Amino acid sequence: MELKYYLKTLNGLANTYKIDKPYLVGGIPRDVYLGIPNIKTTDVDITTNSSDSLRLGVLFADKINEVFEVAEDGHVTVFAQQYDFDFSSNFVSEGVLNYLDGKAKGFEEVYSRDFTMNTLHQDISTGKIMDPTGMGFQDIKNKIIRTPVPAEITLTDDPRRIYRVINLAARYDFDVDPDIINFAKNNPDIFTAQNIKDKYAVVKLNKALVENEEKVMSLLKEMNLFKKVPLSGRFKDLLISKKHLAEYLANGSIDSIVE
C-alpha cells in the first residue's frame, strides 16, 4: 500500500470517531520543508497534540488489520507492511509546562519535542506545512539545531537527545546551538551510561560518522562527550585508524567498552 492510502484512512477514522485532527510531525514535514526529493522513509510520526493520538493508533491498527505495540514511553506503533506508524504518547514535560506558564495552549506537546526542526506539522489532507512554535522554519533556513525551550529542560527530559543532535548535525550539515553545546559540556553527569544505553549511543553515532566524521568528532569534543562514547563499532575503528585511541584512554576516564 502507498503512504497516501494509509493517510487517507487515518483522516477517515479521525472524522468518523470525532478524534482531534491528525498531523504528520517530525521527520517527514522537516524533509519536505528542506526540499529533499523522493523522501524515502519507513518511519511515519503522527500526532493530534492530544491523547486522542493513542486511540487513533489502535483504531488504525484494527482498520488495516495490522499489529500494534505500546512502547515503554506510552506511544503506539502500528506495523503496516513497509511503514511503521508512531502515534505520539502526547508526552508533555513538566519543565516545559512551567516554562510556558500557560502560553501556547494546546501545543505543550510540541514544545516538549527535541528540536525546533522536528516540530513542524503537515496537514494530512492538504499537505500544508505548519510551524506551531514559530521557530522551526527560521532555524531550518539558518541551518541550526535548537531546542524549543531552554536546552536544560529538553536535554534533562531525555539525555539521549544529545546523540540525536549529533546525528542530525552530521546528516544535514547543520550547526548546533551554543546553548546545547554548553549545557552538555557543563553537565557531564547527565550524559553517562546510567542515563543513555550504550546501544543507543553506538547506533546514533555509527550513522552520524557515515555522514560526517569530522563534524561528529568536533561536536563530541566540544560537548565533553568524547570519552563517554562506548568504544565500539565505527567509533572504535575511527579512533584506531586516526590514532586517537591513546587520547580516548588517557586518565582512564571511560564510561564503557562494548565488544
Protein backbone atom coordinates (compact mmCIF):
# COMPACT_ATOMS: atom_id res chain seq x y z
CA MET A 1 0.00 0.00 0.00
CA GLU A 2 1.14 3.55 -0.69
CA LEU A 3 1.51 6.05 2.13
CA LYS A 4 -1.32 8.22 0.79
CA TYR A 5 -3.74 5.30 1.23
CA TYR A 6 -2.84 4.96 4.90
CA LEU A 7 -3.06 8.70 5.49
CA LYS A 8 -6.48 8.85 3.85
CA THR A 9 -7.57 6.02 6.15
CA LEU A 10 -6.29 7.93 9.18
CA ASN A 11 -8.23 11.03 8.22
CA GLY A 12 -11.39 8.99 7.70
CA LEU A 13 -11.06 7.39 11.14
CA ALA A 14 -10.49 10.75 12.80
CA ASN A 15 -13.63 12.16 11.20
CA THR A 16 -15.76 9.09 11.96
CA TYR A 17 -14.76 8.84 15.62
CA LYS A 18 -14.59 12.61 16.32
CA ILE A 19 -10.86 12.40 17.02
CA ASP A 20 -8.72 15.54 17.13
CA LYS A 21 -7.18 16.35 13.74
CA PRO A 22 -4.11 14.19 12.99
CA TYR A 23 -0.91 15.63 11.54
CA LEU A 24 2.35 14.27 10.23
CA VAL A 25 5.08 15.51 12.54
CA GLY A 26 8.85 15.20 12.81
CA GLY A 27 10.95 13.75 10.00
CA ILE A 28 8.60 13.85 7.02
CA PRO A 29 7.48 17.51 7.39
CA ARG A 30 11.07 18.51 8.12
CA ASP A 31 12.40 16.83 4.97
CA VAL A 32 9.54 18.15 2.84
CA TYR A 33 10.31 21.68 4.03
CA LEU A 34 14.00 21.12 3.33
CA GLY A 35 13.04 20.27 -0.23
CA ILE A 36 14.57 16.80 -0.16
CA PRO A 37 13.39 14.99 -3.30
CA ASN A 38 11.95 11.47 -3.24
CA ILE A 39 11.89 11.15 0.54
CA LYS A 40 12.41 7.52 1.44
CA THR A 41 11.40 6.61 4.96
CA THR A 42 9.64 3.81 6.74
CA ASP A 43 9.01 5.88 9.88
CA VAL A 44 5.80 7.92 9.92
CA ASP A 45 5.13 10.03 13.02
CA ILE A 46 1.55 11.05 13.78
CA THR A 47 0.21 13.46 16.41
CA THR A 48 -3.11 15.01 17.31
CA ASN A 49 -1.46 17.13 20.03
CA SER A 50 -3.74 15.32 22.46
CA SER A 51 -4.25 11.89 23.99
CA ASP A 52 -6.54 11.13 21.02
CA SER A 53 -3.48 10.06 19.05
CA LEU A 54 -3.30 6.79 21.03
CA ARG A 55 -6.96 5.99 20.35
CA LEU A 56 -6.41 6.78 16.69
CA GLY A 57 -3.43 4.42 16.60
CA VAL A 58 -5.42 1.47 17.98
CA LEU A 59 -8.35 2.17 15.65
CA PHE A 60 -5.96 2.43 12.71
CA ALA A 61 -4.35 -0.93 13.51
CA ASP A 62 -7.77 -2.54 13.68
CA LYS A 63 -8.94 -0.90 10.44
CA ILE A 64 -5.97 -2.08 8.36
CA ASN A 65 -5.76 -5.40 10.23
CA GLU A 66 -2.16 -4.97 11.38
CA VAL A 67 -0.48 -5.43 14.77
CA PHE A 68 0.39 -2.60 17.12
CA GLU A 69 2.71 -2.22 20.09
CA VAL A 70 2.60 0.09 23.08
CA ALA A 71 6.13 1.28 23.89
CA GLU A 72 7.55 1.95 27.34
CA ASP A 73 7.10 5.69 26.88
CA GLY A 74 3.42 5.21 26.02
CA HIS A 75 3.39 5.81 22.27
CA VAL A 76 1.69 3.34 19.94
CA THR A 77 3.45 1.87 16.89
CA VAL A 78 1.42 0.26 14.11
CA PHE A 79 3.40 -2.03 11.81
CA ALA A 80 1.86 -1.65 8.36
CA GLN A 81 3.83 -3.57 5.73
CA GLN A 82 6.71 -1.23 4.74
CA TYR A 83 5.79 1.53 7.22
CA ASP A 84 5.97 1.94 10.99
CA PHE A 85 3.38 4.46 12.17
CA ASP A 86 4.28 6.01 15.51
CA PHE A 87 1.35 7.67 17.26
CA SER A 88 2.53 10.21 19.82
CA SER A 89 2.11 9.48 23.51
CA ASN A 90 1.34 13.19 23.99
CA PHE A 91 4.27 13.49 26.37
CA VAL A 92 4.26 16.92 27.98
CA SER A 93 7.28 17.86 30.04
CA GLU A 94 6.66 19.35 33.47
CA GLY A 95 9.62 21.64 32.86
CA VAL A 96 8.05 22.81 29.61
CA LEU A 97 4.72 23.49 31.35
CA ASN A 98 6.46 25.60 33.98
CA TYR A 99 8.45 27.43 31.32
CA LEU A 100 5.42 28.18 29.13
CA ASP A 101 3.36 29.23 32.16
CA GLY A 102 0.02 28.93 30.40
CA LYS A 103 1.19 30.12 26.99
CA ALA A 104 0.88 28.04 23.78
CA LYS A 105 -2.25 26.24 25.00
CA GLY A 106 -2.87 23.04 23.06
CA PHE A 107 0.72 22.86 21.82
CA GLU A 108 2.52 21.88 25.01
CA GLU A 109 3.48 18.58 23.37
CA VAL A 110 5.13 20.47 20.51
CA TYR A 111 7.40 22.37 22.89
CA SER A 112 8.21 19.09 24.66
CA ARG A 113 9.77 17.70 21.46
CA ASP A 114 13.51 17.58 20.94
CA PHE A 115 14.47 20.24 18.37
CA THR A 116 12.66 23.01 16.52
CA MET A 117 13.40 21.36 13.16
CA ASN A 118 11.32 18.39 14.34
CA THR A 119 8.29 20.40 15.49
CA LEU A 120 6.90 21.11 12.02
CA HIS A 121 3.41 19.71 11.30
CA GLN A 122 2.00 18.68 7.93
CA ASP A 123 -1.72 18.67 7.25
CA ILE A 124 -2.57 15.17 6.02
CA SER A 125 -5.39 16.46 3.81
CA THR A 126 -3.74 19.46 2.14
CA GLY A 127 -0.03 18.77 2.53
CA LYS A 128 0.47 22.24 4.04
CA ILE A 129 3.47 22.57 6.38
CA MET A 130 2.91 24.47 9.63
CA ASP A 131 5.31 25.83 12.25
CA PRO A 132 3.48 25.78 15.62
CA THR A 133 6.41 27.22 17.60
CA GLY A 134 7.22 29.93 15.06
CA MET A 135 10.88 28.88 15.25
CA GLY A 136 11.16 25.80 13.05
CA PHE A 137 11.11 27.45 9.62
CA GLN A 138 13.74 30.03 10.51
CA ASP A 139 16.05 27.59 12.24
CA ILE A 140 15.96 25.28 9.22
CA LYS A 141 16.70 28.22 6.93
CA ASN A 142 19.58 29.21 9.21
CA LYS A 143 20.80 25.59 9.32
CA ILE A 144 20.91 25.46 13.09
CA ILE A 145 19.64 22.87 15.57
CA ARG A 146 17.95 24.43 18.59
CA THR A 147 15.67 23.21 21.35
CA PRO A 148 12.10 24.59 21.52
CA VAL A 149 12.67 25.62 25.15
CA PRO A 150 15.96 26.13 27.07
CA ALA A 151 18.36 23.26 26.40
CA GLU A 152 18.49 22.46 30.12
CA ILE A 153 14.82 21.40 30.03
CA THR A 154 14.90 19.50 26.74
CA LEU A 155 18.10 17.56 27.44
CA THR A 156 17.26 16.78 31.06
CA ASP A 157 13.90 15.36 29.96
CA ASP A 158 15.72 12.88 27.72
CA PRO A 159 19.55 12.80 27.80
CA ARG A 160 19.58 10.57 24.70
CA ARG A 161 18.77 13.68 22.71
CA ILE A 162 22.41 14.72 22.89
CA TYR A 163 23.34 11.91 20.49
CA ARG A 164 20.32 12.67 18.34
CA VAL A 165 21.53 16.24 17.87
CA ILE A 166 24.95 14.99 16.75
CA ASN A 167 23.27 12.61 14.32
CA LEU A 168 21.10 15.39 12.84
CA ALA A 169 24.01 17.83 12.63
CA ALA A 170 26.06 15.30 10.68
CA ARG A 171 23.20 14.23 8.42
CA TYR A 172 22.10 17.73 7.42
CA ASP A 173 25.37 19.59 8.00
CA PHE A 174 23.66 21.94 10.46
CA ASP A 175 25.32 23.88 13.25
CA VAL A 176 24.38 23.16 16.87
CA ASP A 177 23.10 25.95 19.06
CA PRO A 178 25.74 27.03 21.62
CA ASP A 179 23.20 26.57 24.44
CA ILE A 180 23.07 22.84 23.67
CA ILE A 181 26.84 22.54 23.49
CA ASN A 182 27.41 24.49 26.69
CA PHE A 183 24.79 22.57 28.66
CA ALA A 184 26.31 19.24 27.63
CA LYS A 185 29.83 20.45 28.42
CA ASN A 186 28.89 21.77 31.84
CA ASN A 187 26.66 18.87 32.93
CA PRO A 188 28.64 15.70 32.14
CA ASP A 189 26.88 13.60 34.80
CA ILE A 190 23.61 13.70 32.84
CA PHE A 191 25.10 12.04 29.77
CA THR A 192 26.55 8.90 31.36
CA ALA A 193 25.86 5.25 30.59
CA GLN A 194 23.41 5.26 33.50
CA ASN A 195 21.08 7.56 31.58
CA ILE A 196 21.88 6.55 28.00
CA LYS A 197 22.10 2.93 26.92
CA ASP A 198 25.34 2.08 25.15
CA LYS A 199 23.49 0.54 22.22
CA TYR A 200 21.55 3.75 21.57
CA ALA A 201 24.68 5.89 21.58
CA VAL A 202 26.56 3.48 19.33
CA VAL A 203 23.75 3.24 16.74
CA LYS A 204 23.24 7.00 16.54
CA LEU A 205 26.96 7.75 16.28
CA ASN A 206 27.67 4.99 13.77
CA LYS A 207 25.08 6.51 11.44
CA ALA A 208 26.41 10.02 12.06
CA LEU A 209 30.00 9.02 11.36
CA VAL A 210 28.99 7.68 7.95
CA GLU A 211 27.67 11.15 7.12
CA ASN A 212 30.39 13.43 8.53
CA GLU A 213 33.27 12.10 10.65
CA GLU A 214 34.88 15.49 11.16
CA LYS A 215 31.71 17.17 12.46
CA VAL A 216 30.91 14.27 14.78
CA MET A 217 34.36 14.24 16.35
CA SER A 218 34.38 18.01 16.71
CA LEU A 219 30.99 18.03 18.47
CA LEU A 220 31.92 15.16 20.79
CA LYS A 221 34.96 17.08 21.98
CA GLU A 222 33.14 20.41 22.22
CA MET A 223 30.44 18.80 24.34
CA ASN A 224 32.92 16.93 26.54
CA LEU A 225 31.38 13.63 25.39
CA PHE A 226 34.40 12.15 23.61
CA LYS A 227 35.39 9.81 26.45
CA LYS A 228 31.79 8.90 27.28
CA VAL A 229 31.14 7.18 23.97
CA PRO A 230 31.27 3.37 24.15
CA LEU A 231 34.38 2.02 22.44
CA SER A 232 32.56 0.12 19.75
CA GLY A 233 31.64 -0.05 16.08
CA ARG A 234 32.67 2.67 13.65
CA PHE A 235 33.73 4.97 16.50
CA LYS A 236 36.30 2.43 17.72
CA ASP A 237 37.55 1.84 14.17
CA LEU A 238 37.91 5.58 13.64
CA LEU A 239 39.92 6.07 16.83
CA ILE A 240 42.28 3.32 15.81
CA SER A 241 42.70 4.46 12.20
CA LYS A 242 43.13 8.15 13.13
CA LYS A 243 45.41 7.34 16.11
CA HIS A 244 43.07 8.88 18.69
CA LEU A 245 42.89 5.80 20.88
CA ALA A 246 45.58 6.97 23.30
CA GLU A 247 43.70 10.24 23.80
CA TYR A 248 40.49 8.32 24.49
CA LEU A 249 42.15 6.02 27.02
CA ALA A 250 44.13 8.75 28.78
CA ASN A 251 43.48 9.08 32.54
CA GLY A 252 41.29 6.00 32.47
CA SER A 253 38.12 8.05 32.01
CA ILE A 254 35.99 5.52 30.18
CA ASP A 255 32.29 5.02 30.84
CA SER A 256 32.06 1.73 28.96
CA ILE A 257 33.71 -0.52 26.44
CA VAL A 258 31.46 -2.58 24.22
CA GLU A 259 32.77 -5.61 22.38
